[in-house]
Protein backbone atom coordinates (compact mmCIF):
# COMPACT_ATOMS: atom_id res chain seq x y z
CA MET A 1 -117.89 -6.95 56.79
CA ILE A 2 -117.66 -3.22 56.28
CA ALA A 3 -120.10 -1.59 58.74
CA LEU A 4 -122.37 0.90 57.49
CA PRO A 5 -125.28 2.83 59.24
CA ALA A 6 -128.33 0.79 59.61
CA SER A 7 -130.48 3.12 57.74
CA MET A 8 -127.92 2.57 54.54
CA THR A 9 -128.11 -0.33 52.45
CA VAL A 10 -125.75 -0.83 49.14
CA PHE A 11 -126.70 -2.89 46.37
CA GLU A 12 -123.39 -4.23 44.64
CA ARG A 13 -124.62 -4.72 41.19
CA GLY A 14 -122.69 -6.36 38.25
CA TRP A 15 -122.36 -4.59 34.82
CA LEU A 16 -124.41 -3.00 33.13
CA SER A 17 -125.76 -1.45 36.43
CA SER A 18 -124.14 1.03 38.98
CA ASN A 19 -124.41 0.23 42.32
CA ASN A 20 -127.42 1.64 44.23
CA VAL A 21 -127.48 3.06 47.86
CA LEU A 22 -130.77 2.71 49.56
CA PHE A 23 -131.63 5.13 52.69
CA ALA A 24 -134.62 4.37 54.78
CA SER A 25 -135.36 6.15 57.98
CA ASP A 26 -138.16 8.08 60.03
CA GLU A 27 -137.29 11.00 57.79
CA GLY A 28 -138.18 9.11 54.42
CA THR A 29 -136.49 6.85 51.85
CA ALA A 30 -134.15 7.42 49.26
CA LEU A 31 -132.11 5.54 46.41
CA ILE A 32 -128.66 7.11 44.93
CA ASP A 33 -128.27 5.55 41.38
CA THR A 34 -130.93 3.40 39.64
CA GLY A 35 -128.60 1.00 37.40
CA TYR A 36 -129.11 0.62 33.56
CA VAL A 37 -132.45 0.45 31.82
CA SER A 38 -132.71 -3.34 31.01
CA HIS A 39 -131.86 -4.08 34.72
CA ALA A 40 -134.51 -1.73 35.78
CA PRO A 41 -136.85 -4.47 36.88
CA GLN A 42 -134.23 -6.16 39.00
CA THR A 43 -133.89 -2.66 40.74
CA LEU A 44 -137.17 -2.35 41.39
CA ALA A 45 -137.31 -6.05 43.22
CA LEU A 46 -134.21 -5.17 45.12
CA VAL A 47 -136.03 -1.66 46.44
CA ARG A 48 -139.40 -3.33 46.98
CA HIS A 49 -137.70 -6.27 48.87
CA ALA A 50 -135.81 -3.94 50.93
CA LEU A 51 -138.43 -1.38 51.67
CA GLY A 52 -141.56 -3.75 52.28
CA ALA A 53 -144.59 -1.74 52.60
CA ARG A 54 -142.81 1.68 52.50
CA LYS A 55 -142.70 3.60 49.34
CA LEU A 56 -139.62 5.25 47.58
CA ASP A 57 -139.52 8.72 48.11
CA LEU A 58 -136.50 10.08 46.47
CA ILE A 59 -134.06 9.42 43.69
CA VAL A 60 -130.62 10.86 43.71
CA ASN A 61 -128.67 10.76 40.52
CA THR A 62 -124.78 11.38 41.21
CA HIS A 63 -124.46 11.72 37.31
CA LEU A 64 -126.52 10.92 34.13
CA HIS A 65 -124.69 8.01 32.46
CA SER A 66 -126.97 5.24 31.17
CA ASP A 67 -125.83 3.02 34.02
CA HIS A 68 -126.67 5.29 36.82
CA CYS A 69 -129.99 6.57 35.93
CA GLY A 70 -131.73 3.84 33.74
CA GLY A 71 -133.98 2.58 36.42
CA ASN A 72 -135.33 6.18 37.05
CA ALA A 73 -138.37 5.95 34.69
CA LEU A 74 -139.74 2.59 36.42
CA LEU A 75 -139.08 3.75 39.89
CA GLN A 76 -140.94 6.92 38.97
CA ARG A 77 -143.88 5.11 37.63
CA THR A 78 -144.01 2.79 40.46
CA TYR A 79 -143.60 5.22 43.31
CA ALA A 80 -144.18 8.60 41.88
CA CYS A 81 -141.30 9.69 43.77
CA ASN A 82 -139.15 12.88 43.35
CA THR A 83 -135.85 12.86 41.60
CA LEU A 84 -132.84 15.04 42.12
CA ILE A 85 -130.15 15.50 39.36
CA PRO A 86 -127.02 17.50 38.81
CA GLN A 87 -128.15 21.19 38.16
CA SER A 88 -126.04 21.13 35.08
CA GLU A 89 -127.92 18.54 33.26
CA ALA A 90 -131.35 20.08 34.23
CA HIS A 91 -131.98 21.63 30.47
CA ALA A 92 -130.83 18.51 28.62
CA VAL A 93 -133.31 16.34 30.83
CA ARG A 94 -136.03 18.87 30.25
CA VAL A 95 -135.91 18.59 26.44
CA TRP A 96 -134.51 15.09 26.41
CA ASP A 97 -131.50 15.83 24.46
CA GLU A 98 -130.23 12.18 24.14
CA GLU A 99 -126.94 13.39 22.49
CA ALA A 100 -126.01 15.78 25.22
CA LEU A 101 -127.04 13.28 27.91
CA THR A 102 -124.52 11.01 26.09
CA PHE A 103 -126.86 8.12 25.57
CA HIS A 104 -126.56 8.52 21.68
CA ALA A 105 -122.85 9.33 21.94
CA THR A 106 -122.13 6.32 23.76
CA ALA A 107 -124.50 3.90 21.70
CA GLN A 108 -126.66 3.42 24.92
CA ARG A 109 -130.21 3.35 26.18
CA CYS A 110 -132.36 5.09 28.72
CA ASP A 111 -135.89 5.64 29.41
CA ARG A 112 -137.14 9.14 29.60
CA PHE A 113 -137.56 10.29 32.97
CA THR A 114 -138.41 13.65 34.59
CA PHE A 115 -136.95 15.35 37.49
CA ASP A 116 -138.22 17.38 40.41
CA GLY A 117 -135.04 19.32 41.50
CA THR A 118 -131.21 19.76 41.17
CA ILE A 119 -128.23 19.52 43.29
CA GLU A 120 -124.81 20.77 42.97
CA ASN A 121 -121.31 21.32 44.45
CA GLY A 122 -122.20 22.81 47.99
CA ALA A 123 -125.52 21.51 48.55
CA THR A 124 -126.30 19.14 51.25
CA LEU A 125 -129.04 16.44 51.61
CA MET A 126 -130.60 14.56 54.69
CA LEU A 127 -130.32 10.86 53.82
CA GLY A 128 -130.67 8.11 56.52
CA ASP A 129 -130.75 10.62 59.31
CA PHE A 130 -127.17 11.83 58.22
CA GLU A 131 -126.17 15.23 56.53
CA TRP A 132 -124.67 14.58 53.18
CA SER A 133 -122.50 17.19 51.36
CA VAL A 134 -122.63 17.35 47.47
CA LEU A 135 -118.87 17.42 46.18
CA GLY A 136 -118.46 18.24 42.53
CA ALA A 137 -116.60 15.26 40.80
CA PRO A 138 -115.64 16.42 37.12
CA GLY A 139 -113.34 13.98 35.39
CA HIS A 140 -114.83 10.88 34.20
CA ASP A 141 -118.01 12.96 33.73
CA PRO A 142 -118.17 16.93 33.80
CA HIS A 143 -121.53 16.81 35.58
CA SER A 144 -120.41 14.21 38.36
CA LEU A 145 -121.07 14.55 41.88
CA MET A 146 -120.32 12.64 44.97
CA LEU A 147 -122.03 12.24 48.48
CA TYR A 148 -119.71 12.78 51.62
CA CYS A 149 -121.06 12.24 55.27
CA ALA A 150 -118.26 13.85 57.69
CA GLU A 151 -120.24 12.26 60.70
CA ALA A 152 -120.25 8.80 59.41
CA ARG A 153 -117.03 9.00 57.37
CA ILE A 154 -118.53 7.76 54.23
CA LEU A 155 -118.04 8.76 50.71
CA ILE A 156 -120.18 7.83 47.80
CA SER A 157 -117.80 8.24 45.24
CA ALA A 158 -119.77 7.24 41.84
CA ASP A 159 -117.03 6.76 39.08
CA ALA A 160 -114.50 9.39 40.30
CA LEU A 161 -112.72 6.34 42.62
CA TRP A 162 -113.01 2.70 42.78
CA GLU A 163 -111.00 0.29 44.66
CA ASN A 164 -109.01 -0.10 41.38
CA GLY A 165 -109.25 3.01 39.34
CA PHE A 166 -111.89 5.10 38.06
CA GLY A 167 -114.19 5.42 35.13
CA VAL A 168 -113.09 6.19 31.77
CA ILE A 169 -112.30 9.87 31.24
CA PHE A 170 -114.61 10.84 28.55
CA PRO A 171 -114.16 14.42 28.24
CA GLU A 172 -110.55 13.74 26.96
CA LEU A 173 -111.93 11.61 24.14
CA GLU A 174 -113.34 14.94 22.51
CA GLY A 175 -110.28 17.41 23.12
CA GLU A 176 -111.99 18.83 26.46
CA SER A 177 -110.11 18.75 29.63
CA GLY A 178 -110.68 15.66 32.17
CA PHE A 179 -107.44 14.28 33.29
CA ALA A 180 -106.73 17.45 35.37
CA GLU A 181 -110.19 17.55 37.00
CA GLU A 182 -109.77 13.79 37.91
CA ARG A 183 -106.53 14.66 39.58
CA ALA A 184 -108.21 17.48 41.46
CA VAL A 185 -111.07 15.03 42.44
CA LEU A 186 -108.70 12.78 43.69
CA ASP A 187 -106.83 15.47 45.68
CA LEU A 188 -110.16 16.47 47.21
CA ILE A 189 -110.69 12.87 48.48
CA ALA A 190 -107.25 12.72 50.23
CA GLN A 191 -108.37 15.66 52.03
CA LEU A 192 -111.52 13.82 53.32
CA ASP A 193 -111.73 12.15 56.68
CA VAL A 194 -113.07 9.07 55.02
CA ASP A 195 -113.44 5.40 56.50
CA VAL A 196 -115.75 3.73 53.72
CA VAL A 197 -115.87 4.36 50.07
CA VAL A 198 -118.95 3.10 48.35
CA PRO A 199 -117.94 3.29 44.51
CA GLY A 200 -120.35 3.62 41.49
CA HIS A 201 -119.01 -0.15 40.69
CA GLY A 202 -117.59 -2.91 42.94
CA ALA A 203 -117.73 -3.74 46.73
CA PRO A 204 -117.27 -0.81 49.18
CA PHE A 205 -113.81 -0.57 50.44
CA THR A 206 -111.79 1.02 53.55
CA ASP A 207 -108.22 0.87 52.15
CA VAL A 208 -108.81 4.72 50.94
CA ALA A 209 -105.23 5.68 50.74
CA ARG A 210 -104.40 2.20 48.63
CA ALA A 211 -107.19 3.22 46.18
CA LEU A 212 -106.18 6.73 45.93
CA ASP A 213 -102.30 5.43 45.18
CA VAL A 214 -103.72 3.15 42.37
CA ALA A 215 -106.22 5.68 41.08
CA ALA A 216 -103.01 8.30 40.84
CA SER A 217 -100.88 5.79 39.08
CA ARG A 218 -103.36 4.85 36.57
CA LEU A 219 -104.07 8.48 36.04
CA ASP A 220 -100.18 9.04 35.32
CA TYR A 221 -100.51 6.10 32.79
CA LEU A 222 -103.20 7.72 30.98
CA CYS A 223 -101.65 11.02 30.80
CA ALA A 224 -98.37 9.81 29.64
CA ASP A 225 -100.27 9.02 26.33
CA PRO A 226 -104.00 9.76 25.88
CA ALA A 227 -104.49 7.15 23.19
CA ARG A 228 -104.42 4.67 26.32
CA ASN A 229 -107.64 6.48 27.57
CA ALA A 230 -109.22 6.33 23.87
CA LYS A 231 -108.55 2.60 23.62
CA ASN A 232 -109.82 1.92 27.15
CA ALA A 233 -112.93 3.98 26.32
CA LEU A 234 -113.56 1.99 23.13
CA LYS A 235 -113.21 -1.38 24.58
CA VAL A 236 -115.35 -0.56 27.56
CA LEU A 237 -118.16 0.63 25.08
CA ILE A 238 -117.85 -2.31 22.84
CA VAL A 239 -118.12 -4.63 25.79
CA PHE A 240 -120.85 -2.91 27.41
CA LYS A 241 -123.01 -2.90 24.24
CA LEU A 242 -122.38 -6.49 23.76
CA MET A 243 -123.46 -7.03 27.12
CA ASP A 244 -126.67 -5.23 26.53
CA VAL A 245 -127.38 -6.53 23.00
CA ARG A 246 -125.73 -10.16 23.55
CA SER A 247 -124.56 -10.30 20.10
CA MET A 248 -124.21 -8.50 16.80
CA PRO A 249 -122.45 -8.93 13.46
CA PHE A 250 -119.32 -6.97 13.25
CA ASP A 251 -120.54 -4.61 10.56
CA THR A 252 -123.07 -3.42 12.98
CA LEU A 253 -120.12 -2.55 15.41
CA LEU A 254 -118.33 -0.78 12.51
CA ALA A 255 -121.39 1.48 11.72
CA MET A 256 -122.24 2.15 15.28
CA THR A 257 -118.36 3.27 15.79
CA ALA A 258 -119.26 5.85 12.97
CA SER A 259 -122.42 6.91 14.19
CA ALA A 260 -121.82 6.97 18.30
CA ARG A 261 -119.86 10.48 19.02
CA ALA A 262 -117.96 9.17 21.90
CA MET A 263 -116.88 5.74 20.09
CA ARG A 264 -116.14 7.78 17.01
CA ALA A 265 -114.04 10.15 18.90
CA ALA A 266 -111.96 7.21 20.65
CA ALA A 267 -111.45 5.43 17.40
CA ASN A 268 -110.39 8.79 15.71
CA ALA A 269 -107.84 9.36 18.50
CA LEU A 270 -106.37 5.93 17.47
CA ALA A 271 -106.55 5.91 13.65
CA ALA A 272 -107.73 7.55 10.74
CA PRO A 273 -111.37 6.75 9.79
CA ALA A 274 -110.56 4.84 6.65
CA GLN A 275 -108.34 2.49 8.94
CA HIS A 276 -111.49 2.07 11.64
CA ARG A 277 -112.18 -1.38 10.30
CA ALA A 278 -108.72 -2.80 10.99
CA LEU A 279 -108.64 -1.00 14.22
CA LEU A 280 -111.84 -2.57 15.43
CA GLU A 281 -110.63 -5.76 14.36
CA LYS A 282 -107.58 -5.49 16.30
CA ILE A 283 -109.61 -4.31 19.41
CA VAL A 284 -112.04 -7.12 19.03
CA GLY A 285 -109.32 -9.73 18.73
CA GLU A 286 -107.62 -8.36 21.95
CA LEU A 287 -110.68 -8.40 23.82
CA ALA A 288 -111.58 -12.15 22.33
CA ARG A 289 -108.34 -13.27 23.80
CA GLY A 290 -108.75 -11.62 26.96
CA GLY A 291 -112.14 -13.43 27.36
CA SER A 292 -114.24 -10.33 27.29
CA LEU A 293 -116.18 -11.71 24.15
CA THR A 294 -116.42 -14.06 21.52
CA VAL A 295 -116.16 -14.19 17.96
CA GLU A 296 -117.71 -16.74 15.48
CA GLY A 297 -117.44 -15.80 11.96
CA ASP A 298 -118.90 -12.36 11.50
CA MET A 299 -120.54 -12.67 14.89
CA LEU A 300 -119.56 -10.85 18.11
CA SER A 301 -121.19 -12.21 21.39
CA ALA A 302 -121.05 -11.41 25.00
CA VAL A 303 -119.49 -13.61 27.32
């Protein structure tokens, strides 16, 4: 059992949702990230069970991918809580630009939410009676942030570092830099005094050196052939969508790949548009053989 401060509770979630971190102390209550929209009632139930009669005062989003902010709207309606988001995403949220926010780009969903303030690299937050430093963590997402508590030696790493890797490097799909930024984030983490990492997905872990080695090797592998990142991204997005909708015809997937910017960019990195059907047939076949989905005739289903 990994020891965490009494004021800190980690809700380890399964896909489609990110993990949530709940802080509760005399100073107030806060939740880091809120999961995917279809899991929002479950997120609310977890928070209610943990807080009892207390209200939720604050939501903090490490970044605004749909699996990290999909519960914002329901929690805001329930608790009238304040919300802090990455400063660089403020305009997109204010005007609710779902393309800039990547919801349309990934063929995912998120209920519209508001925000009350922003955070960025160099800011500090008091959470659970501890001071947390906000650290920039571009790579997986240009706007992503981490939270680091030097006193407790805990890092909330979001999708910059998992026990066995990190999140898809989305900027690289569209010709923007992401690999170099992820490398810099791993180097930054290596310089921190960290006993426990709470990742965006998966259980908290303590063998930080091993995780960094795994992540560095994974990054080397992707950098050697960027098509590997594109193929991984396309597989992740297909499985995610199927877990959301449960089943869909193959032709729906083909149309979605053409219309969703991130999926289209990943497919274009692997094949010419005229070859996307054959590409998707191949990838669906690989996913089926790997047990990530099932195929019956033209119908694709989540496992």
